[in-house]
N, C-alpha and C. Protein backbone atom coordinates (compact mmCIF):
# COMPACT_ATOMS: atom_id res chain seq x y z
N MET A 1 -214.92 -124.45 -138.62
CA MET A 1 -214.47 -124.11 -137.29
C MET A 1 -214.21 -122.60 -137.25
N SER A 2 -214.67 -121.96 -136.20
CA SER A 2 -214.51 -120.51 -136.08
C SER A 2 -213.06 -120.16 -135.74
N VAL A 3 -212.76 -118.91 -135.91
CA VAL A 3 -211.41 -118.43 -135.61
C VAL A 3 -211.12 -118.60 -134.12
N LYS A 4 -212.10 -118.30 -133.28
CA LYS A 4 -211.92 -118.43 -131.83
C LYS A 4 -211.68 -119.88 -131.44
N ALA A 5 -212.41 -120.79 -132.04
CA ALA A 5 -212.24 -122.21 -131.75
C ALA A 5 -210.86 -122.68 -132.21
N SER A 6 -210.43 -122.19 -133.37
CA SER A 6 -209.10 -122.56 -133.89
C SER A 6 -208.00 -122.06 -132.96
N LEU A 7 -208.16 -120.84 -132.47
CA LEU A 7 -207.16 -120.28 -131.55
C LEU A 7 -207.12 -121.05 -130.24
N ASN A 8 -208.29 -121.42 -129.73
CA ASN A 8 -208.34 -122.21 -128.49
C ASN A 8 -207.69 -123.57 -128.68
N THR A 9 -207.93 -124.20 -129.84
CA THR A 9 -207.32 -125.49 -130.14
C THR A 9 -205.81 -125.34 -130.22
N LEU A 10 -205.34 -124.29 -130.90
CA LEU A 10 -203.90 -124.03 -131.03
C LEU A 10 -203.28 -123.78 -129.66
N LYS A 11 -203.98 -123.01 -128.81
CA LYS A 11 -203.49 -122.72 -127.47
C LYS A 11 -203.33 -124.00 -126.65
N LYS A 12 -204.33 -124.87 -126.71
CA LYS A 12 -204.28 -126.13 -125.96
C LYS A 12 -203.16 -127.02 -126.49
N MET A 13 -202.98 -127.01 -127.82
CA MET A 13 -201.92 -127.82 -128.43
C MET A 13 -200.55 -127.31 -127.97
N ASN A 14 -200.38 -125.98 -127.95
CA ASN A 14 -199.12 -125.39 -127.51
C ASN A 14 -198.85 -125.71 -126.05
N GLU A 15 -199.89 -125.65 -125.21
CA GLU A 15 -199.73 -125.94 -123.79
C GLU A 15 -199.28 -127.37 -123.56
N LYS A 16 -199.69 -128.28 -124.43
CA LYS A 16 -199.29 -129.68 -124.31
C LYS A 16 -197.93 -129.93 -124.94
N MET A 17 -197.66 -129.23 -126.06
CA MET A 17 -196.44 -129.48 -126.82
C MET A 17 -195.21 -128.76 -126.23
N TYR A 18 -195.36 -127.50 -125.85
CA TYR A 18 -194.22 -126.69 -125.42
C TYR A 18 -193.42 -127.31 -124.27
N PRO A 19 -194.05 -127.84 -123.23
CA PRO A 19 -193.24 -128.44 -122.15
C PRO A 19 -192.44 -129.67 -122.59
N LYS A 20 -192.82 -130.28 -123.69
CA LYS A 20 -192.15 -131.50 -124.15
C LYS A 20 -191.01 -131.23 -125.14
N LEU A 21 -190.81 -129.97 -125.50
CA LEU A 21 -189.76 -129.64 -126.47
C LEU A 21 -188.38 -129.95 -125.90
N SER A 22 -187.49 -130.40 -126.78
CA SER A 22 -186.09 -130.58 -126.37
C SER A 22 -185.44 -129.20 -126.30
N ALA A 23 -184.29 -129.13 -125.68
CA ALA A 23 -183.56 -127.85 -125.58
C ALA A 23 -183.26 -127.29 -126.96
N ASP A 24 -182.85 -128.16 -127.91
CA ASP A 24 -182.55 -127.70 -129.27
C ASP A 24 -183.79 -127.16 -129.96
N GLU A 25 -184.92 -127.87 -129.81
CA GLU A 25 -186.17 -127.44 -130.45
C GLU A 25 -186.63 -126.10 -129.86
N ARG A 26 -186.58 -126.00 -128.53
CA ARG A 26 -187.02 -124.77 -127.87
C ARG A 26 -186.12 -123.60 -128.28
N PHE A 27 -184.83 -123.84 -128.30
CA PHE A 27 -183.88 -122.80 -128.70
C PHE A 27 -184.19 -122.29 -130.10
N ALA A 28 -184.38 -123.22 -131.04
CA ALA A 28 -184.66 -122.84 -132.44
C ALA A 28 -185.97 -122.05 -132.53
N MET A 29 -186.97 -122.49 -131.80
CA MET A 29 -188.26 -121.80 -131.84
C MET A 29 -188.17 -120.40 -131.22
N VAL A 30 -187.43 -120.25 -130.14
CA VAL A 30 -187.28 -118.94 -129.51
C VAL A 30 -186.54 -118.00 -130.46
N ILE A 31 -185.50 -118.48 -131.10
CA ILE A 31 -184.77 -117.65 -132.07
C ILE A 31 -185.71 -117.19 -133.18
N LYS A 32 -186.55 -118.09 -133.66
CA LYS A 32 -187.51 -117.73 -134.72
C LYS A 32 -188.50 -116.67 -134.23
N THR A 33 -188.87 -116.72 -132.94
CA THR A 33 -189.78 -115.69 -132.43
C THR A 33 -189.11 -114.32 -132.42
N PHE A 34 -187.79 -114.29 -132.21
CA PHE A 34 -187.07 -113.02 -132.32
C PHE A 34 -187.11 -112.52 -133.76
N VAL A 35 -186.85 -113.42 -134.69
CA VAL A 35 -186.84 -113.07 -136.11
C VAL A 35 -188.21 -112.57 -136.54
N ASN A 36 -189.26 -113.26 -136.09
CA ASN A 36 -190.63 -112.92 -136.49
C ASN A 36 -191.25 -111.82 -135.63
N GLY A 37 -190.57 -111.42 -134.59
CA GLY A 37 -191.10 -110.39 -133.70
C GLY A 37 -192.31 -110.86 -132.91
N ASP A 38 -192.39 -112.14 -132.63
CA ASP A 38 -193.55 -112.72 -131.96
C ASP A 38 -193.27 -112.87 -130.46
N GLU A 39 -193.50 -111.79 -129.73
CA GLU A 39 -193.21 -111.78 -128.30
C GLU A 39 -194.14 -112.71 -127.52
N VAL A 40 -195.37 -112.86 -127.97
CA VAL A 40 -196.34 -113.70 -127.27
C VAL A 40 -195.87 -115.15 -127.27
N GLN A 41 -195.48 -115.67 -128.45
CA GLN A 41 -195.01 -117.05 -128.53
C GLN A 41 -193.69 -117.23 -127.78
N ARG A 42 -192.82 -116.21 -127.86
CA ARG A 42 -191.54 -116.29 -127.15
C ARG A 42 -191.79 -116.42 -125.65
N GLU A 43 -192.70 -115.62 -125.13
CA GLU A 43 -193.03 -115.68 -123.71
C GLU A 43 -193.59 -117.04 -123.33
N LYS A 44 -194.44 -117.59 -124.17
CA LYS A 44 -195.01 -118.92 -123.90
C LYS A 44 -193.92 -119.98 -123.91
N LEU A 45 -193.01 -119.89 -124.86
CA LEU A 45 -191.91 -120.85 -124.93
C LEU A 45 -191.03 -120.76 -123.69
N VAL A 46 -190.73 -119.56 -123.27
CA VAL A 46 -189.86 -119.36 -122.11
C VAL A 46 -190.56 -119.83 -120.83
N LYS A 47 -191.82 -119.46 -120.67
CA LYS A 47 -192.54 -119.85 -119.45
C LYS A 47 -192.80 -121.35 -119.37
N SER A 48 -192.90 -122.01 -120.51
CA SER A 48 -193.17 -123.45 -120.50
C SER A 48 -191.91 -124.29 -120.37
N CYS A 49 -190.77 -123.64 -120.36
CA CYS A 49 -189.50 -124.36 -120.25
C CYS A 49 -189.42 -125.03 -118.87
N PRO A 50 -189.04 -126.29 -118.84
CA PRO A 50 -188.92 -126.96 -117.54
C PRO A 50 -187.91 -126.25 -116.64
N ILE A 51 -188.22 -126.19 -115.38
CA ILE A 51 -187.34 -125.55 -114.40
C ILE A 51 -186.63 -126.64 -113.62
N VAL A 52 -185.32 -126.50 -113.54
CA VAL A 52 -184.50 -127.51 -112.89
C VAL A 52 -183.64 -126.82 -111.84
N ASN A 53 -183.46 -127.45 -110.73
CA ASN A 53 -182.55 -126.95 -109.69
C ASN A 53 -181.25 -127.73 -109.79
N TYR A 54 -180.14 -126.99 -109.79
CA TYR A 54 -178.83 -127.62 -109.88
C TYR A 54 -178.07 -127.41 -108.59
N SER A 55 -177.27 -128.37 -108.25
CA SER A 55 -176.33 -128.21 -107.14
C SER A 55 -174.99 -127.86 -107.77
N GLU A 56 -174.30 -126.92 -107.17
CA GLU A 56 -173.00 -126.55 -107.69
C GLU A 56 -172.04 -126.31 -106.54
N SER A 57 -170.78 -126.30 -106.86
CA SER A 57 -169.76 -126.02 -105.85
C SER A 57 -169.95 -124.59 -105.36
N GLU A 58 -169.42 -124.33 -104.19
CA GLU A 58 -169.52 -122.99 -103.61
C GLU A 58 -169.06 -121.95 -104.62
N HIS A 59 -169.81 -120.87 -104.72
CA HIS A 59 -169.53 -119.84 -105.72
C HIS A 59 -168.14 -119.23 -105.55
N ALA A 60 -167.75 -118.94 -104.32
CA ALA A 60 -166.44 -118.33 -104.07
C ALA A 60 -165.31 -119.24 -104.57
N TYR A 61 -165.47 -120.53 -104.37
CA TYR A 61 -164.47 -121.50 -104.86
C TYR A 61 -164.46 -121.52 -106.39
N THR A 62 -165.63 -121.63 -106.98
CA THR A 62 -165.75 -121.71 -108.44
C THR A 62 -165.15 -120.48 -109.11
N VAL A 63 -165.44 -119.31 -108.55
CA VAL A 63 -164.91 -118.06 -109.11
C VAL A 63 -163.39 -118.05 -109.04
N ARG A 64 -162.82 -118.50 -107.95
CA ARG A 64 -161.36 -118.54 -107.81
C ARG A 64 -160.74 -119.50 -108.82
N MET A 65 -161.37 -120.63 -109.01
CA MET A 65 -160.85 -121.60 -109.98
C MET A 65 -160.86 -121.00 -111.39
N GLU A 66 -161.98 -120.40 -111.76
CA GLU A 66 -162.09 -119.81 -113.10
C GLU A 66 -161.13 -118.64 -113.27
N ALA A 67 -161.04 -117.78 -112.26
CA ALA A 67 -160.15 -116.63 -112.34
C ALA A 67 -158.69 -117.07 -112.44
N SER A 68 -158.30 -118.06 -111.65
CA SER A 68 -156.90 -118.52 -111.70
C SER A 68 -156.59 -119.12 -113.06
N ARG A 69 -157.51 -119.88 -113.61
CA ARG A 69 -157.30 -120.46 -114.95
C ARG A 69 -157.14 -119.35 -115.99
N ASP A 70 -158.00 -118.35 -115.93
CA ASP A 70 -157.95 -117.27 -116.91
C ASP A 70 -156.67 -116.44 -116.77
N ILE A 71 -156.26 -116.17 -115.54
CA ILE A 71 -155.03 -115.40 -115.32
C ILE A 71 -153.82 -116.18 -115.81
N VAL A 72 -153.77 -117.46 -115.53
CA VAL A 72 -152.65 -118.28 -116.01
C VAL A 72 -152.67 -118.33 -117.54
N THR A 73 -153.83 -118.38 -118.14
CA THR A 73 -153.92 -118.39 -119.60
C THR A 73 -153.38 -117.09 -120.18
N VAL A 74 -153.75 -115.96 -119.58
CA VAL A 74 -153.21 -114.67 -120.02
C VAL A 74 -151.70 -114.66 -119.86
N PHE A 75 -151.22 -115.18 -118.73
CA PHE A 75 -149.78 -115.26 -118.50
C PHE A 75 -149.10 -116.07 -119.60
N ILE A 76 -149.65 -117.23 -119.92
CA ILE A 76 -149.06 -118.11 -120.94
C ILE A 76 -149.04 -117.42 -122.30
N ILE A 77 -150.12 -116.75 -122.65
CA ILE A 77 -150.18 -116.05 -123.95
C ILE A 77 -149.09 -114.99 -124.02
N GLN A 78 -148.92 -114.21 -122.95
CA GLN A 78 -147.87 -113.19 -122.94
C GLN A 78 -146.49 -113.83 -122.91
N LEU A 79 -146.35 -114.93 -122.19
CA LEU A 79 -145.08 -115.65 -122.16
C LEU A 79 -144.69 -116.12 -123.56
N LEU A 80 -145.65 -116.62 -124.30
CA LEU A 80 -145.39 -117.05 -125.69
C LEU A 80 -144.93 -115.87 -126.55
N GLU A 81 -145.54 -114.72 -126.34
CA GLU A 81 -145.16 -113.52 -127.08
C GLU A 81 -143.72 -113.12 -126.75
N TYR A 82 -143.39 -113.13 -125.47
CA TYR A 82 -142.02 -112.79 -125.07
C TYR A 82 -141.03 -113.84 -125.57
N ASP A 83 -141.41 -115.09 -125.56
CA ASP A 83 -140.53 -116.14 -126.08
C ASP A 83 -140.23 -115.91 -127.55
N LYS A 84 -141.24 -115.49 -128.29
CA LYS A 84 -141.05 -115.20 -129.72
C LYS A 84 -140.06 -114.04 -129.90
N ILE A 85 -140.23 -112.99 -129.11
CA ILE A 85 -139.34 -111.82 -129.21
C ILE A 85 -137.91 -112.21 -128.85
N ILE A 86 -137.75 -112.98 -127.78
CA ILE A 86 -136.41 -113.41 -127.36
C ILE A 86 -135.78 -114.31 -128.42
N SER A 87 -136.56 -115.17 -129.03
CA SER A 87 -136.04 -116.04 -130.10
C SER A 87 -135.55 -115.20 -131.27
N ILE A 88 -136.29 -114.17 -131.63
CA ILE A 88 -135.87 -113.28 -132.72
C ILE A 88 -134.58 -112.57 -132.33
N MET A 89 -134.50 -112.12 -131.07
CA MET A 89 -133.28 -111.46 -130.60
C MET A 89 -132.07 -112.39 -130.71
N LYS A 90 -132.25 -113.65 -130.33
CA LYS A 90 -131.16 -114.62 -130.40
C LYS A 90 -130.74 -114.87 -131.84
N ILE A 91 -131.70 -114.98 -132.73
CA ILE A 91 -131.39 -115.20 -134.15
C ILE A 91 -130.61 -114.02 -134.70
N LEU A 92 -131.10 -112.81 -134.42
CA LEU A 92 -130.42 -111.61 -134.92
C LEU A 92 -129.00 -111.50 -134.35
N LYS A 93 -128.85 -111.84 -133.07
CA LYS A 93 -127.53 -111.80 -132.46
C LYS A 93 -126.61 -112.83 -133.12
N GLY A 94 -127.15 -114.00 -133.41
CA GLY A 94 -126.37 -115.06 -134.07
C GLY A 94 -125.92 -114.66 -135.46
N LEU A 95 -126.69 -113.80 -136.10
CA LEU A 95 -126.35 -113.33 -137.45
C LEU A 95 -125.54 -112.03 -137.40
N ASN A 96 -125.23 -111.58 -136.19
CA ASN A 96 -124.54 -110.30 -135.99
C ASN A 96 -125.28 -109.17 -136.70
N TYR A 97 -126.58 -109.21 -136.60
CA TYR A 97 -127.43 -108.25 -137.28
C TYR A 97 -127.98 -107.27 -136.25
N LYS A 98 -127.88 -106.00 -136.54
CA LYS A 98 -128.38 -104.98 -135.62
C LYS A 98 -129.60 -104.31 -136.24
N VAL A 99 -130.60 -104.14 -135.39
CA VAL A 99 -131.83 -103.47 -135.82
C VAL A 99 -131.93 -102.17 -135.05
N GLN A 100 -132.17 -101.08 -135.77
CA GLN A 100 -132.30 -99.80 -135.09
C GLN A 100 -133.55 -99.80 -134.21
N GLY A 101 -133.43 -99.19 -133.06
CA GLY A 101 -134.56 -99.09 -132.15
C GLY A 101 -134.83 -100.37 -131.38
N PHE A 102 -133.95 -101.34 -131.49
CA PHE A 102 -134.12 -102.63 -130.83
C PHE A 102 -133.28 -102.62 -129.57
N ASN A 103 -133.88 -102.30 -128.43
CA ASN A 103 -133.17 -102.17 -127.17
C ASN A 103 -133.28 -103.48 -126.39
N VAL A 104 -132.24 -104.28 -126.46
CA VAL A 104 -132.23 -105.61 -125.83
C VAL A 104 -132.47 -105.50 -124.33
N MET A 105 -131.78 -104.59 -123.68
CA MET A 105 -131.89 -104.48 -122.22
C MET A 105 -133.30 -104.05 -121.81
N LYS A 106 -133.92 -103.21 -122.60
CA LYS A 106 -135.29 -102.78 -122.29
C LYS A 106 -136.25 -103.98 -122.38
N ILE A 107 -136.07 -104.79 -123.38
CA ILE A 107 -136.93 -105.97 -123.56
C ILE A 107 -136.69 -106.97 -122.43
N VAL A 108 -135.42 -107.20 -122.10
CA VAL A 108 -135.09 -108.12 -121.01
C VAL A 108 -135.70 -107.61 -119.70
N SER A 109 -135.61 -106.31 -119.47
CA SER A 109 -136.17 -105.72 -118.26
C SER A 109 -137.69 -105.89 -118.21
N GLU A 110 -138.33 -105.72 -119.34
CA GLU A 110 -139.79 -105.88 -119.42
C GLU A 110 -140.21 -107.32 -119.13
N VAL A 111 -139.50 -108.25 -119.71
CA VAL A 111 -139.81 -109.67 -119.50
C VAL A 111 -139.57 -110.04 -118.04
N GLN A 112 -138.47 -109.56 -117.48
CA GLN A 112 -138.16 -109.84 -116.09
C GLN A 112 -139.25 -109.28 -115.16
N ALA A 113 -139.70 -108.07 -115.42
CA ALA A 113 -140.75 -107.46 -114.60
C ALA A 113 -142.04 -108.27 -114.70
N PHE A 114 -142.35 -108.73 -115.89
CA PHE A 114 -143.55 -109.56 -116.12
C PHE A 114 -143.48 -110.84 -115.30
N LEU A 115 -142.35 -111.54 -115.37
CA LEU A 115 -142.20 -112.80 -114.62
C LEU A 115 -142.24 -112.56 -113.11
N LEU A 116 -141.56 -111.52 -112.65
CA LEU A 116 -141.56 -111.21 -111.22
C LEU A 116 -142.97 -110.85 -110.73
N ALA A 117 -143.71 -110.12 -111.54
CA ALA A 117 -145.08 -109.75 -111.16
C ALA A 117 -145.95 -110.99 -111.03
N PHE A 118 -145.82 -111.92 -111.97
CA PHE A 118 -146.62 -113.15 -111.90
C PHE A 118 -146.22 -113.98 -110.68
N GLU A 119 -144.93 -114.08 -110.43
CA GLU A 119 -144.46 -114.84 -109.26
C GLU A 119 -144.97 -114.20 -107.96
N THR A 120 -144.91 -112.89 -107.87
CA THR A 120 -145.40 -112.18 -106.69
C THR A 120 -146.90 -112.39 -106.52
N PHE A 121 -147.63 -112.26 -107.62
CA PHE A 121 -149.08 -112.48 -107.56
C PHE A 121 -149.40 -113.87 -107.02
N CYS A 122 -148.74 -114.86 -107.58
CA CYS A 122 -149.02 -116.25 -107.16
C CYS A 122 -148.68 -116.47 -105.69
N GLU A 123 -147.51 -116.02 -105.29
CA GLU A 123 -147.05 -116.29 -103.92
C GLU A 123 -147.78 -115.45 -102.87
N GLU A 124 -147.95 -114.16 -103.13
CA GLU A 124 -148.50 -113.27 -102.11
C GLU A 124 -150.02 -113.18 -102.12
N HIS A 125 -150.64 -113.44 -103.25
CA HIS A 125 -152.09 -113.24 -103.33
C HIS A 125 -152.88 -114.53 -103.53
N VAL A 126 -152.23 -115.55 -104.05
CA VAL A 126 -152.90 -116.83 -104.24
C VAL A 126 -152.38 -117.85 -103.23
N GLY A 127 -151.15 -117.67 -102.79
CA GLY A 127 -150.59 -118.54 -101.77
C GLY A 127 -149.88 -119.76 -102.29
N MET A 128 -149.37 -119.69 -103.51
CA MET A 128 -148.60 -120.82 -104.05
C MET A 128 -147.56 -120.31 -105.04
N VAL A 129 -146.61 -121.15 -105.36
CA VAL A 129 -145.57 -120.74 -106.30
C VAL A 129 -146.13 -120.75 -107.72
N SER A 130 -145.56 -119.89 -108.54
CA SER A 130 -146.06 -119.72 -109.91
C SER A 130 -145.98 -121.02 -110.71
N ARG A 131 -144.95 -121.78 -110.49
CA ARG A 131 -144.80 -123.05 -111.22
C ARG A 131 -146.00 -123.97 -110.96
N ASP A 132 -146.46 -124.00 -109.70
CA ASP A 132 -147.62 -124.84 -109.37
C ASP A 132 -148.89 -124.34 -110.07
N MET A 133 -149.03 -123.02 -110.17
CA MET A 133 -150.21 -122.47 -110.87
C MET A 133 -150.20 -122.89 -112.33
N ILE A 134 -149.04 -122.79 -112.96
CA ILE A 134 -148.93 -123.18 -114.37
C ILE A 134 -149.16 -124.68 -114.49
N GLN A 135 -148.55 -125.42 -113.60
CA GLN A 135 -148.67 -126.88 -113.61
C GLN A 135 -150.14 -127.31 -113.45
N ALA A 136 -150.87 -126.60 -112.59
CA ALA A 136 -152.27 -126.96 -112.34
C ALA A 136 -153.11 -126.85 -113.60
N TRP A 137 -152.89 -125.81 -114.38
CA TRP A 137 -153.73 -125.59 -115.56
C TRP A 137 -153.12 -126.10 -116.85
N TYR A 138 -151.80 -126.16 -116.93
CA TYR A 138 -151.16 -126.58 -118.17
C TYR A 138 -150.13 -127.68 -117.93
N GLY A 139 -150.32 -128.45 -116.87
CA GLY A 139 -149.38 -129.50 -116.49
C GLY A 139 -149.21 -130.58 -117.53
N TYR A 140 -150.21 -130.74 -118.38
CA TYR A 140 -150.13 -131.75 -119.44
C TYR A 140 -149.09 -131.36 -120.49
N ASP A 141 -148.66 -130.12 -120.47
CA ASP A 141 -147.74 -129.63 -121.49
C ASP A 141 -146.54 -128.97 -120.80
N GLU A 142 -145.47 -129.72 -120.63
CA GLU A 142 -144.29 -129.26 -119.91
C GLU A 142 -143.56 -128.11 -120.61
N ARG A 143 -143.87 -127.85 -121.86
CA ARG A 143 -143.10 -126.84 -122.58
C ARG A 143 -143.25 -125.44 -121.98
N TYR A 144 -144.38 -125.15 -121.31
CA TYR A 144 -144.54 -123.83 -120.72
C TYR A 144 -143.61 -123.64 -119.52
N ILE A 145 -143.47 -124.68 -118.73
CA ILE A 145 -142.53 -124.63 -117.60
C ILE A 145 -141.11 -124.50 -118.14
N LYS A 146 -140.78 -125.29 -119.15
CA LYS A 146 -139.43 -125.24 -119.75
C LYS A 146 -139.18 -123.87 -120.37
N MET A 147 -140.20 -123.34 -121.05
CA MET A 147 -140.06 -122.03 -121.69
C MET A 147 -139.78 -120.96 -120.63
N MET A 148 -140.49 -121.02 -119.52
CA MET A 148 -140.28 -120.05 -118.46
C MET A 148 -138.87 -120.17 -117.89
N GLU A 149 -138.40 -121.39 -117.70
CA GLU A 149 -137.04 -121.61 -117.19
C GLU A 149 -136.00 -121.08 -118.17
N GLU A 150 -136.20 -121.31 -119.46
CA GLU A 150 -135.26 -120.82 -120.48
C GLU A 150 -135.25 -119.29 -120.52
N ILE A 151 -136.41 -118.69 -120.39
CA ILE A 151 -136.49 -117.23 -120.39
C ILE A 151 -135.79 -116.67 -119.15
N LYS A 152 -135.99 -117.30 -118.00
CA LYS A 152 -135.31 -116.86 -116.77
C LYS A 152 -133.80 -116.97 -116.93
N TYR A 153 -133.34 -118.04 -117.56
CA TYR A 153 -131.91 -118.22 -117.81
C TYR A 153 -131.40 -117.10 -118.71
N PHE A 154 -132.15 -116.78 -119.75
CA PHE A 154 -131.79 -115.71 -120.68
C PHE A 154 -131.69 -114.38 -119.93
N ILE A 155 -132.63 -114.13 -119.04
CA ILE A 155 -132.62 -112.89 -118.24
C ILE A 155 -131.40 -112.87 -117.32
N ASP A 156 -131.11 -114.01 -116.68
CA ASP A 156 -129.97 -114.09 -115.75
C ASP A 156 -128.65 -113.79 -116.45
N ILE A 157 -128.52 -114.18 -117.70
CA ILE A 157 -127.30 -113.92 -118.46
C ILE A 157 -127.04 -112.42 -118.55
N HIS A 158 -128.09 -111.64 -118.68
CA HIS A 158 -127.95 -110.19 -118.85
C HIS A 158 -127.72 -109.44 -117.54
N GLN A 159 -127.93 -110.08 -116.42
CA GLN A 159 -127.65 -109.53 -115.09
C GLN A 159 -128.08 -108.07 -114.95
N ILE A 160 -129.38 -107.86 -115.03
CA ILE A 160 -129.88 -106.50 -114.85
C ILE A 160 -130.70 -106.43 -113.56
N ASN A 161 -130.78 -105.23 -113.02
CA ASN A 161 -131.62 -105.02 -111.84
C ASN A 161 -133.08 -104.97 -112.29
N PRO A 162 -133.95 -105.58 -111.52
CA PRO A 162 -135.36 -105.59 -111.91
C PRO A 162 -135.97 -104.19 -111.91
N ASP A 163 -136.82 -103.94 -112.86
CA ASP A 163 -137.56 -102.68 -112.94
C ASP A 163 -138.80 -102.84 -112.06
N MET A 164 -138.70 -102.38 -110.82
CA MET A 164 -139.76 -102.59 -109.84
C MET A 164 -141.02 -101.80 -110.18
N GLU A 165 -140.86 -100.68 -110.84
CA GLU A 165 -142.04 -99.90 -111.25
C GLU A 165 -142.84 -100.67 -112.31
N LEU A 166 -142.14 -101.22 -113.28
CA LEU A 166 -142.81 -102.01 -114.32
C LEU A 166 -143.42 -103.28 -113.73
N LYS A 167 -142.70 -103.89 -112.81
CA LYS A 167 -143.24 -105.07 -112.12
C LYS A 167 -144.55 -104.71 -111.42
N GLY A 168 -144.54 -103.58 -110.72
CA GLY A 168 -145.73 -103.12 -110.02
C GLY A 168 -146.90 -102.87 -110.95
N MET A 169 -146.59 -102.34 -112.13
CA MET A 169 -147.66 -102.10 -113.11
C MET A 169 -148.27 -103.42 -113.58
N TRP A 170 -147.42 -104.40 -113.91
CA TRP A 170 -147.93 -105.72 -114.31
C TRP A 170 -148.78 -106.32 -113.19
N LEU A 171 -148.25 -106.24 -111.99
CA LEU A 171 -148.94 -106.84 -110.84
C LEU A 171 -150.30 -106.17 -110.62
N GLU A 172 -150.32 -104.86 -110.54
CA GLU A 172 -151.55 -104.14 -110.24
C GLU A 172 -152.54 -104.15 -111.40
N LYS A 173 -152.08 -103.77 -112.57
CA LYS A 173 -152.99 -103.56 -113.70
C LYS A 173 -153.47 -104.85 -114.35
N VAL A 174 -152.67 -105.89 -114.29
CA VAL A 174 -153.05 -107.12 -114.98
C VAL A 174 -153.49 -108.19 -113.98
N PHE A 175 -152.57 -108.69 -113.20
CA PHE A 175 -152.87 -109.85 -112.36
C PHE A 175 -153.83 -109.53 -111.21
N LEU A 176 -153.51 -108.54 -110.39
CA LEU A 176 -154.38 -108.22 -109.26
C LEU A 176 -155.72 -107.67 -109.71
N ASN A 177 -155.70 -106.82 -110.72
CA ASN A 177 -156.95 -106.26 -111.22
C ASN A 177 -157.91 -107.37 -111.66
N ALA A 178 -157.40 -108.32 -112.41
CA ALA A 178 -158.24 -109.43 -112.87
C ALA A 178 -158.72 -110.27 -111.68
N TRP A 179 -157.85 -110.54 -110.75
CA TRP A 179 -158.19 -111.37 -109.59
C TRP A 179 -159.26 -110.69 -108.73
N ILE A 180 -159.02 -109.45 -108.36
CA ILE A 180 -159.95 -108.73 -107.48
C ILE A 180 -161.30 -108.52 -108.16
N THR A 181 -161.27 -108.14 -109.43
CA THR A 181 -162.51 -107.94 -110.16
C THR A 181 -163.34 -109.21 -110.21
N ARG A 182 -162.70 -110.32 -110.49
CA ARG A 182 -163.43 -111.59 -110.59
C ARG A 182 -163.95 -112.06 -109.24
N LEU A 183 -163.21 -111.83 -108.17
CA LEU A 183 -163.64 -112.31 -106.86
C LEU A 183 -164.78 -111.49 -106.28
N LYS A 184 -164.95 -110.26 -106.76
CA LYS A 184 -166.05 -109.42 -106.29
C LYS A 184 -167.40 -109.92 -106.78
N VAL A 185 -167.41 -110.62 -107.88
CA VAL A 185 -168.67 -111.04 -108.50
C VAL A 185 -169.44 -111.99 -107.63
């Protein structure tokens, strides 16, 4: 068999085989074409991939759902960090131990600004209370709601005026920035 005949046979075989590949098989073969530098086969694999039309929820709705979940997740991660710091502060206070450079009021003010910024974001920009936002994404785990309530109680004990500048920074740089950026897409 001549080289030309062999190539034609291989081409016909590929045309029949490529559309029948599973997603896993096609994926593995495309990756190998990158490794081997075989752009011709990669193009054939990509072009022979079945095309499917999907129905999806409205994009604006989907983006809001994803953005709200991500923002609440960032909030929870930071809340856990603040809870850890407050727990350490309570332990040190219980041991009557003083650490240089450890400004309790500054930390309390920072945590308060963070919570106020999240509450403002939820109420003024999303249209619901912060507890509902947390409940929507992490309702299966009540400890986040309890943790937030305990932290608020800890802040209330210290009776400080909120740092509105810091609150504004949290609101603008973290919560609103993420929300607006995601909704533009």
